[in-house]
């Protein structure tokens, strides 16, 4: 079975993008990875509307990417901080890869606005693609995509009823 013969409704990339594949969501995650956890701080740093931020935070909490953790400053009402869950923390290599790609193609002439370094040695971090044996892939040409156990054969277009819909 080849890629064009595989149904894509259960594609992991497609499903992941349904959770994080929107500009504001990625920026909220950037803030969370940089320690910004409170609604007002996120809104002020990103510059988005209250309603849009509340909606995106609700979706990230519902998806299990962020936890809403209550806090209360003295004399203020109770509010939530938004902290990355294990599922959210697993997005770290994705965020690093996206940042490094942006650094390569879109950074200012002076260089990137942020450099993420290893706390132990101060060297910049990078996202790496490697096989389970540790072989690093230098390009996509070194990889191969094969149908996985969840692959389903695609129904040919127009199959089914006379109007092209399945019965």
N, C-alpha and C. Protein backbone atom coordinates (compact mmCIF):
# COMPACT_ATOMS: atom_id res chain seq x y z
N UNK A 1 0.85 -1.17 0.00
CA UNK A 1 0.00 0.00 0.00
C UNK A 1 0.90 1.24 0.00
N UNK A 2 0.58 2.23 -0.85
CA UNK A 2 1.33 3.48 -0.95
C UNK A 2 0.53 4.62 -0.30
N UNK A 3 1.19 5.74 -0.05
CA UNK A 3 0.58 6.87 0.65
C UNK A 3 -0.76 7.27 0.06
N UNK A 4 -0.86 7.40 -1.25
CA UNK A 4 -2.12 7.83 -1.87
C UNK A 4 -3.23 6.79 -1.76
N UNK A 5 -2.88 5.59 -1.36
CA UNK A 5 -3.88 4.53 -1.18
C UNK A 5 -4.35 4.43 0.27
N UNK A 6 -3.79 5.27 1.16
CA UNK A 6 -4.10 5.21 2.58
C UNK A 6 -5.09 6.30 2.95
N UNK A 7 -6.10 5.94 3.73
CA UNK A 7 -7.06 6.91 4.25
C UNK A 7 -6.31 7.84 5.21
N UNK A 8 -6.66 9.13 5.21
CA UNK A 8 -5.93 10.09 6.04
C UNK A 8 -6.72 10.60 7.24
N UNK A 9 -7.95 10.14 7.43
CA UNK A 9 -8.75 10.67 8.54
C UNK A 9 -8.20 10.29 9.91
N UNK A 10 -7.32 9.28 9.99
CA UNK A 10 -6.71 8.93 11.26
C UNK A 10 -5.20 9.25 11.28
N UNK A 11 -4.80 10.16 10.43
CA UNK A 11 -3.39 10.59 10.37
C UNK A 11 -3.01 11.30 11.67
N UNK A 12 -1.90 10.92 12.26
CA UNK A 12 -1.46 11.51 13.53
C UNK A 12 -1.12 12.99 13.38
N UNK A 13 -0.58 13.40 12.24
CA UNK A 13 -0.29 14.82 12.02
C UNK A 13 -1.59 15.61 11.99
N UNK A 14 -2.57 15.09 11.26
CA UNK A 14 -3.87 15.76 11.17
C UNK A 14 -4.51 15.88 12.55
N UNK A 15 -4.45 14.84 13.34
CA UNK A 15 -5.04 14.87 14.68
C UNK A 15 -4.28 15.82 15.60
N UNK A 16 -2.96 15.84 15.51
CA UNK A 16 -2.16 16.76 16.33
C UNK A 16 -2.48 18.20 15.96
N UNK A 17 -2.61 18.48 14.68
CA UNK A 17 -2.92 19.84 14.25
C UNK A 17 -4.30 20.29 14.69
N UNK A 18 -5.21 19.35 14.90
CA UNK A 18 -6.53 19.73 15.39
C UNK A 18 -6.43 20.28 16.82
N UNK A 19 -5.36 19.96 17.53
CA UNK A 19 -5.14 20.45 18.89
C UNK A 19 -4.22 21.67 18.90
N UNK A 20 -3.11 21.61 18.18
CA UNK A 20 -2.09 22.67 18.29
C UNK A 20 -1.83 23.43 17.00
N UNK A 21 -2.54 23.13 15.94
CA UNK A 21 -2.21 23.68 14.63
C UNK A 21 -2.78 25.04 14.32
N UNK A 22 -2.70 25.95 15.25
CA UNK A 22 -3.22 27.29 15.04
C UNK A 22 -2.22 28.27 15.66
N UNK A 23 -2.00 29.39 14.98
CA UNK A 23 -0.98 30.36 15.39
C UNK A 23 -1.05 30.73 16.87
N UNK A 24 -2.23 31.12 17.34
CA UNK A 24 -2.35 31.57 18.73
C UNK A 24 -2.04 30.46 19.72
N UNK A 25 -2.40 29.23 19.37
CA UNK A 25 -2.13 28.09 20.25
C UNK A 25 -0.64 27.87 20.38
N UNK A 26 0.07 27.93 19.28
CA UNK A 26 1.54 27.76 19.32
C UNK A 26 2.17 28.87 20.15
N UNK A 27 1.66 30.08 20.02
CA UNK A 27 2.23 31.19 20.81
C UNK A 27 1.94 31.03 22.30
N UNK A 28 0.77 30.51 22.64
CA UNK A 28 0.46 30.22 24.04
C UNK A 28 1.44 29.17 24.56
N UNK A 29 1.69 28.14 23.77
CA UNK A 29 2.66 27.11 24.17
C UNK A 29 4.05 27.70 24.33
N UNK A 30 4.45 28.61 23.44
CA UNK A 30 5.74 29.29 23.57
C UNK A 30 5.83 29.98 24.92
N UNK A 31 4.76 30.67 25.30
CA UNK A 31 4.74 31.36 26.59
C UNK A 31 4.87 30.36 27.74
N UNK A 32 4.12 29.27 27.67
CA UNK A 32 4.17 28.26 28.73
C UNK A 32 5.56 27.68 28.87
N UNK A 33 6.22 27.38 27.75
CA UNK A 33 7.58 26.85 27.81
C UNK A 33 8.57 27.87 28.37
N UNK A 34 8.24 29.15 28.28
CA UNK A 34 9.12 30.19 28.81
C UNK A 34 8.67 30.67 30.18
N UNK A 35 7.80 29.89 30.83
CA UNK A 35 7.43 30.17 32.21
C UNK A 35 6.31 31.17 32.42
N UNK A 36 5.65 31.60 31.35
CA UNK A 36 4.53 32.53 31.48
C UNK A 36 3.27 31.70 31.63
N UNK A 37 2.61 31.79 32.78
CA UNK A 37 1.52 30.87 33.10
C UNK A 37 0.18 31.55 33.40
N UNK A 38 0.21 32.83 33.63
CA UNK A 38 -1.03 33.51 34.05
C UNK A 38 -1.68 34.21 32.86
N UNK A 39 -3.02 34.18 32.88
CA UNK A 39 -3.83 34.72 31.80
C UNK A 39 -3.39 36.13 31.39
N UNK A 40 -3.33 37.04 32.36
CA UNK A 40 -3.00 38.44 32.05
C UNK A 40 -1.60 38.57 31.46
N UNK A 41 -0.67 37.77 31.96
CA UNK A 41 0.69 37.83 31.42
C UNK A 41 0.75 37.29 30.00
N UNK A 42 0.05 36.20 29.75
CA UNK A 42 0.02 35.62 28.39
C UNK A 42 -0.61 36.63 27.44
N UNK A 43 -1.78 37.15 27.82
CA UNK A 43 -2.48 38.12 26.97
C UNK A 43 -1.60 39.33 26.68
N UNK A 44 -0.95 39.87 27.71
CA UNK A 44 -0.11 41.05 27.53
C UNK A 44 1.11 40.80 26.66
N UNK A 45 1.67 39.61 26.75
CA UNK A 45 2.88 39.31 25.99
C UNK A 45 2.59 38.96 24.54
N UNK A 46 1.45 38.30 24.31
CA UNK A 46 1.08 37.91 22.95
C UNK A 46 0.26 38.99 22.28
N UNK A 47 -0.59 39.68 23.05
CA UNK A 47 -1.42 40.72 22.48
C UNK A 47 -2.67 40.18 21.81
N UNK A 48 -3.33 39.21 22.45
CA UNK A 48 -4.56 38.67 21.89
C UNK A 48 -5.74 39.03 22.77
N UNK A 49 -6.93 38.90 22.22
CA UNK A 49 -8.14 39.26 22.96
C UNK A 49 -8.40 38.27 24.09
N UNK A 50 -9.12 38.74 25.10
CA UNK A 50 -9.49 37.88 26.23
C UNK A 50 -10.28 36.67 25.77
N UNK A 51 -11.26 36.89 24.90
CA UNK A 51 -12.13 35.78 24.49
C UNK A 51 -11.36 34.73 23.69
N UNK A 52 -10.48 35.16 22.82
CA UNK A 52 -9.69 34.21 22.03
C UNK A 52 -8.73 33.44 22.93
N UNK A 53 -8.07 34.13 23.85
CA UNK A 53 -7.15 33.47 24.76
C UNK A 53 -7.90 32.47 25.65
N UNK A 54 -9.03 32.87 26.18
CA UNK A 54 -9.82 31.97 27.03
C UNK A 54 -10.23 30.73 26.25
N UNK A 55 -10.64 30.90 25.01
CA UNK A 55 -11.04 29.77 24.17
C UNK A 55 -9.87 28.82 23.93
N UNK A 56 -8.72 29.35 23.57
CA UNK A 56 -7.55 28.51 23.29
C UNK A 56 -7.06 27.80 24.56
N UNK A 57 -7.06 28.49 25.68
CA UNK A 57 -6.66 27.85 26.94
C UNK A 57 -7.61 26.73 27.31
N UNK A 58 -8.91 26.97 27.14
CA UNK A 58 -9.91 25.93 27.42
C UNK A 58 -9.66 24.69 26.56
N UNK A 59 -9.36 24.90 25.29
CA UNK A 59 -9.11 23.78 24.38
C UNK A 59 -7.84 23.02 24.76
N UNK A 60 -6.79 23.74 25.14
CA UNK A 60 -5.54 23.09 25.54
C UNK A 60 -5.70 22.31 26.84
N UNK A 61 -6.51 22.83 27.75
CA UNK A 61 -6.79 22.11 29.00
C UNK A 61 -7.62 20.86 28.68
N UNK A 62 -8.65 21.02 27.86
CA UNK A 62 -9.51 19.88 27.50
C UNK A 62 -8.72 18.79 26.78
N UNK A 63 -7.72 19.18 26.00
CA UNK A 63 -6.90 18.22 25.27
C UNK A 63 -5.81 17.60 26.15
N UNK A 64 -5.67 18.09 27.38
CA UNK A 64 -4.67 17.54 28.29
C UNK A 64 -3.26 18.05 28.04
N UNK A 65 -3.13 19.16 27.32
CA UNK A 65 -1.82 19.76 27.04
C UNK A 65 -1.41 20.70 28.17
N UNK A 66 -2.39 21.38 28.75
CA UNK A 66 -2.16 22.27 29.89
C UNK A 66 -3.07 21.85 31.04
N UNK A 67 -2.62 22.11 32.25
CA UNK A 67 -3.44 21.98 33.45
C UNK A 67 -3.79 23.37 33.93
N UNK A 68 -5.03 23.57 34.33
CA UNK A 68 -5.43 24.82 34.97
C UNK A 68 -5.28 24.62 36.47
N UNK A 69 -4.34 25.34 37.07
CA UNK A 69 -4.03 25.20 38.49
C UNK A 69 -4.46 26.47 39.22
N UNK A 70 -5.41 26.36 40.16
CA UNK A 70 -5.90 27.56 40.86
C UNK A 70 -4.82 28.22 41.72
N UNK A 71 -4.89 29.55 41.77
CA UNK A 71 -4.04 30.33 42.67
C UNK A 71 -4.85 31.55 43.09
N UNK A 72 -4.43 32.20 44.16
CA UNK A 72 -5.10 33.41 44.60
C UNK A 72 -4.09 34.35 45.22
N UNK A 73 -3.93 35.52 44.62
CA UNK A 73 -3.10 36.56 45.20
C UNK A 73 -3.88 37.22 46.33
N UNK A 74 -3.19 37.69 47.38
CA UNK A 74 -3.88 38.33 48.51
C UNK A 74 -4.79 39.47 48.03
N UNK A 75 -6.04 39.44 48.51
CA UNK A 75 -6.99 40.49 48.18
C UNK A 75 -7.59 40.39 46.78
N UNK A 76 -7.30 39.32 46.08
CA UNK A 76 -7.80 39.15 44.70
C UNK A 76 -8.66 37.89 44.63
N UNK A 77 -9.41 37.78 43.55
CA UNK A 77 -10.23 36.58 43.36
C UNK A 77 -9.36 35.41 42.91
N UNK A 78 -9.88 34.23 43.06
CA UNK A 78 -9.16 33.02 42.66
C UNK A 78 -9.09 32.94 41.13
N UNK A 79 -7.93 32.57 40.63
CA UNK A 79 -7.72 32.46 39.18
C UNK A 79 -6.93 31.20 38.89
N UNK A 80 -6.62 30.96 37.61
CA UNK A 80 -5.85 29.78 37.22
C UNK A 80 -4.52 30.16 36.61
N UNK A 81 -3.54 29.33 36.91
CA UNK A 81 -2.27 29.34 36.16
C UNK A 81 -2.37 28.17 35.19
N UNK A 82 -1.70 28.29 34.08
CA UNK A 82 -1.74 27.23 33.07
C UNK A 82 -0.35 26.63 32.95
N UNK A 83 -0.26 25.36 33.34
CA UNK A 83 1.03 24.66 33.37
C UNK A 83 1.01 23.51 32.39
N UNK A 84 2.14 23.29 31.76
CA UNK A 84 2.28 22.19 30.82
C UNK A 84 2.16 20.85 31.54
N UNK A 85 1.40 19.96 30.95
CA UNK A 85 1.29 18.59 31.44
C UNK A 85 2.42 17.78 30.80
N UNK A 86 2.49 16.51 31.12
CA UNK A 86 3.47 15.64 30.45
C UNK A 86 3.23 15.65 28.94
N UNK A 87 1.97 15.60 28.56
CA UNK A 87 1.60 15.65 27.14
C UNK A 87 2.08 16.97 26.52
N UNK A 88 1.93 18.06 27.25
CA UNK A 88 2.40 19.36 26.77
C UNK A 88 3.92 19.42 26.69
N UNK A 89 4.58 18.90 27.72
CA UNK A 89 6.04 18.90 27.73
C UNK A 89 6.62 18.08 26.58
N UNK A 90 5.88 17.07 26.14
CA UNK A 90 6.33 16.26 24.99
C UNK A 90 6.37 17.06 23.70
N UNK A 91 5.79 18.26 23.70
CA UNK A 91 5.85 19.13 22.52
C UNK A 91 7.16 19.92 22.43
N UNK A 92 8.02 19.80 23.44
CA UNK A 92 9.26 20.57 23.46
C UNK A 92 10.10 20.39 22.19
N UNK A 93 10.35 19.18 21.72
CA UNK A 93 11.14 19.06 20.49
C UNK A 93 10.46 19.71 19.28
N UNK A 94 9.14 19.66 19.25
CA UNK A 94 8.39 20.31 18.16
C UNK A 94 8.62 21.81 18.20
N UNK A 95 8.51 22.40 19.39
CA UNK A 95 8.70 23.84 19.55
C UNK A 95 10.13 24.25 19.21
N UNK A 96 11.11 23.44 19.63
CA UNK A 96 12.51 23.73 19.30
C UNK A 96 12.73 23.65 17.80
N UNK A 97 12.19 22.61 17.16
CA UNK A 97 12.34 22.46 15.71
C UNK A 97 11.71 23.65 14.98
N UNK A 98 10.53 24.07 15.41
CA UNK A 98 9.85 25.19 14.78
C UNK A 98 10.65 26.48 14.98
N UNK A 99 11.17 26.68 16.18
CA UNK A 99 11.97 27.87 16.46
C UNK A 99 13.24 27.88 15.63
N UNK A 100 13.93 26.75 15.57
CA UNK A 100 15.18 26.69 14.80
C UNK A 100 14.93 26.91 13.32
N UNK A 101 13.82 26.39 12.79
CA UNK A 101 13.46 26.62 11.40
C UNK A 101 13.22 28.12 11.17
N UNK A 102 12.47 28.74 12.10
CA UNK A 102 12.23 30.18 12.02
C UNK A 102 13.53 30.98 12.13
N UNK A 103 14.44 30.55 13.01
CA UNK A 103 15.74 31.21 13.13
C UNK A 103 16.51 31.16 11.81
N UNK A 104 16.44 30.03 11.15
CA UNK A 104 17.20 29.85 9.90
C UNK A 104 16.65 30.69 8.77
N UNK A 105 15.33 30.79 8.69
CA UNK A 105 14.73 31.45 7.52
C UNK A 105 14.11 32.82 7.79
N UNK A 106 13.85 33.16 9.05
CA UNK A 106 13.11 34.39 9.31
C UNK A 106 13.69 35.28 10.42
N UNK A 107 14.83 34.93 10.97
CA UNK A 107 15.40 35.76 12.04
C UNK A 107 15.84 37.11 11.49
N UNK A 108 15.92 38.10 12.35
CA UNK A 108 16.45 39.41 11.97
C UNK A 108 17.90 39.25 11.52
N UNK A 109 18.41 40.20 10.75
CA UNK A 109 19.81 40.13 10.31
C UNK A 109 20.80 40.01 11.48
N UNK A 110 20.43 40.58 12.64
CA UNK A 110 21.30 40.51 13.82
C UNK A 110 21.30 39.13 14.46
N UNK A 111 20.30 38.32 14.13
CA UNK A 111 20.20 36.98 14.70
C UNK A 111 18.85 36.75 15.35
N UNK A 112 18.66 35.56 15.92
CA UNK A 112 17.36 35.23 16.52
C UNK A 112 17.10 36.03 17.79
N UNK A 113 15.82 36.16 18.13
CA UNK A 113 15.41 36.89 19.33
C UNK A 113 15.62 36.09 20.59
N UNK A 114 15.69 34.77 20.48
CA UNK A 114 15.81 33.90 21.64
C UNK A 114 16.73 32.74 21.29
N UNK A 115 17.61 32.42 22.21
CA UNK A 115 18.47 31.24 22.03
C UNK A 115 18.20 30.31 23.21
N UNK A 116 17.78 29.10 22.91
CA UNK A 116 17.55 28.10 23.95
C UNK A 116 18.81 27.25 24.06
N UNK A 117 19.38 27.21 25.26
CA UNK A 117 20.63 26.50 25.49
C UNK A 117 20.46 25.43 26.55
N UNK A 118 21.30 24.44 26.49
CA UNK A 118 21.34 23.39 27.50
C UNK A 118 21.84 23.99 28.81
N UNK A 119 21.09 23.80 29.88
CA UNK A 119 21.45 24.39 31.17
C UNK A 119 22.79 23.88 31.69
N UNK A 120 23.19 22.67 31.30
CA UNK A 120 24.42 22.10 31.81
C UNK A 120 25.69 22.60 31.15
N UNK A 121 25.62 22.96 29.85
CA UNK A 121 26.84 23.35 29.14
C UNK A 121 26.70 24.65 28.36
N UNK A 122 25.52 25.25 28.36
CA UNK A 122 25.26 26.52 27.67
C UNK A 122 25.31 26.45 26.15
N UNK A 123 25.34 25.26 25.58
CA UNK A 123 25.32 25.14 24.11
C UNK A 123 23.88 25.18 23.62
N UNK A 124 23.64 25.81 22.44
CA UNK A 124 22.27 25.85 21.90
C UNK A 124 21.72 24.44 21.66
N UNK A 125 20.42 24.28 21.91
CA UNK A 125 19.78 22.99 21.68
C UNK A 125 19.23 22.93 20.27
N UNK A 126 19.01 21.72 19.79
CA UNK A 126 18.41 21.52 18.49
C UNK A 126 17.52 20.29 18.55
N UNK A 127 16.56 20.24 17.67
CA UNK A 127 15.71 19.06 17.56
C UNK A 127 16.39 18.12 16.57
N UNK A 128 16.43 16.84 16.92
CA UNK A 128 17.13 15.85 16.11
C UNK A 128 16.17 14.74 15.74
N UNK A 129 16.29 14.28 14.50
CA UNK A 129 15.51 13.13 14.05
C UNK A 129 16.48 11.96 13.95
N UNK A 130 16.16 10.91 14.70
CA UNK A 130 17.01 9.74 14.67
C UNK A 130 16.17 8.49 14.85
N UNK A 131 16.70 7.37 14.39
CA UNK A 131 15.99 6.10 14.57
C UNK A 131 16.21 5.60 16.00
N UNK A 132 15.52 4.54 16.35
CA UNK A 132 15.64 4.00 17.70
C UNK A 132 17.03 3.45 18.01
N UNK A 133 17.82 3.18 16.99
CA UNK A 133 19.21 2.73 17.21
C UNK A 133 20.18 3.90 17.34
N UNK A 134 19.68 5.12 17.17
CA UNK A 134 20.53 6.29 17.33
C UNK A 134 21.13 6.84 16.06
N UNK A 135 20.73 6.33 14.90
CA UNK A 135 21.23 6.87 13.63
C UNK A 135 20.51 8.18 13.33
N UNK A 136 21.27 9.25 13.20
CA UNK A 136 20.71 10.58 12.96
C UNK A 136 20.43 10.74 11.47
N UNK A 137 19.24 11.24 11.15
CA UNK A 137 18.87 11.51 9.77
C UNK A 137 19.22 12.95 9.44
N UNK A 138 20.01 13.14 8.39
CA UNK A 138 20.42 14.47 7.98
C UNK A 138 19.37 15.15 7.10
N UNK A 139 18.53 14.36 6.46
CA UNK A 139 17.48 14.92 5.60
C UNK A 139 16.32 13.94 5.52
N UNK A 140 15.21 14.43 4.98
CA UNK A 140 14.03 13.58 4.81
C UNK A 140 14.31 12.44 3.84
N UNK A 141 15.26 12.62 2.95
CA UNK A 141 15.60 11.58 1.98
C UNK A 141 16.15 10.32 2.67
N UNK A 142 16.64 10.46 3.89
CA UNK A 142 17.17 9.31 4.62
C UNK A 142 16.09 8.55 5.39
N UNK A 143 14.89 9.07 5.38
CA UNK A 143 13.78 8.42 6.07
C UNK A 143 12.87 7.72 5.07
N UNK A 144 12.01 6.88 5.61
CA UNK A 144 11.06 6.16 4.76
C UNK A 144 9.75 6.07 5.55
N UNK A 145 8.64 6.33 4.88
CA UNK A 145 7.33 6.22 5.52
C UNK A 145 6.62 4.99 4.99
N UNK A 146 6.28 4.09 5.89
CA UNK A 146 5.56 2.88 5.53
C UNK A 146 4.22 2.87 6.25
N UNK A 147 3.23 2.20 5.69
CA UNK A 147 1.94 2.11 6.38
C UNK A 147 2.12 1.46 7.76
N UNK A 148 1.46 2.03 8.75
CA UNK A 148 1.52 1.49 10.11
C UNK A 148 0.35 0.58 10.37
N UNK A 149 0.27 0.05 11.58
CA UNK A 149 -0.79 -0.90 11.91
C UNK A 149 -2.19 -0.29 11.84
N UNK A 150 -2.29 1.03 11.94
CA UNK A 150 -3.60 1.68 11.86
C UNK A 150 -3.98 2.11 10.46
N UNK A 151 -3.13 1.85 9.47
CA UNK A 151 -3.41 2.27 8.09
C UNK A 151 -4.64 1.54 7.56
N UNK A 152 -5.48 2.32 6.90
CA UNK A 152 -6.67 1.77 6.26
C UNK A 152 -6.65 2.13 4.78
N UNK A 153 -7.07 1.20 3.96
CA UNK A 153 -7.12 1.45 2.53
C UNK A 153 -8.12 2.56 2.24
N UNK A 154 -7.73 3.44 1.34
CA UNK A 154 -8.58 4.56 0.94
C UNK A 154 -9.67 4.06 0.00
N UNK A 155 -10.87 4.56 0.19
CA UNK A 155 -11.96 4.23 -0.71
C UNK A 155 -11.79 5.09 -1.96
N UNK A 156 -11.78 4.50 -3.14
CA UNK A 156 -11.61 5.30 -4.37
C UNK A 156 -12.68 6.35 -4.49
N UNK A 157 -12.30 7.53 -4.99
CA UNK A 157 -13.25 8.62 -5.19
C UNK A 157 -14.35 8.15 -6.13
N UNK A 158 -15.56 8.50 -5.77
CA UNK A 158 -16.69 8.14 -6.62
C UNK A 158 -17.25 6.76 -6.35
N UNK A 159 -16.58 5.99 -5.49
CA UNK A 159 -17.10 4.65 -5.19
C UNK A 159 -18.35 4.80 -4.33
N UNK A 160 -19.23 3.88 -4.41
CA UNK A 160 -20.45 3.92 -3.62
C UNK A 160 -21.64 4.17 -4.50
N UNK A 161 -22.43 5.19 -4.15
CA UNK A 161 -23.65 5.44 -4.88
C UNK A 161 -23.36 6.27 -6.13
N UNK A 162 -24.37 6.51 -6.93
CA UNK A 162 -24.23 7.26 -8.17
C UNK A 162 -23.77 8.69 -7.93
N UNK A 163 -24.08 9.28 -6.75
CA UNK A 163 -23.66 10.65 -6.47
C UNK A 163 -22.27 10.71 -5.82
N UNK A 164 -21.58 9.56 -5.71
CA UNK A 164 -20.23 9.54 -5.16
C UNK A 164 -20.18 9.33 -3.66
N UNK A 165 -21.32 9.28 -2.97
CA UNK A 165 -21.34 9.08 -1.53
C UNK A 165 -21.51 7.61 -1.21
N UNK A 166 -20.96 7.20 -0.10
CA UNK A 166 -21.10 5.81 0.33
C UNK A 166 -22.53 5.56 0.77
N UNK A 167 -23.01 4.33 0.58
CA UNK A 167 -24.39 4.02 1.00
C UNK A 167 -24.56 4.08 2.49
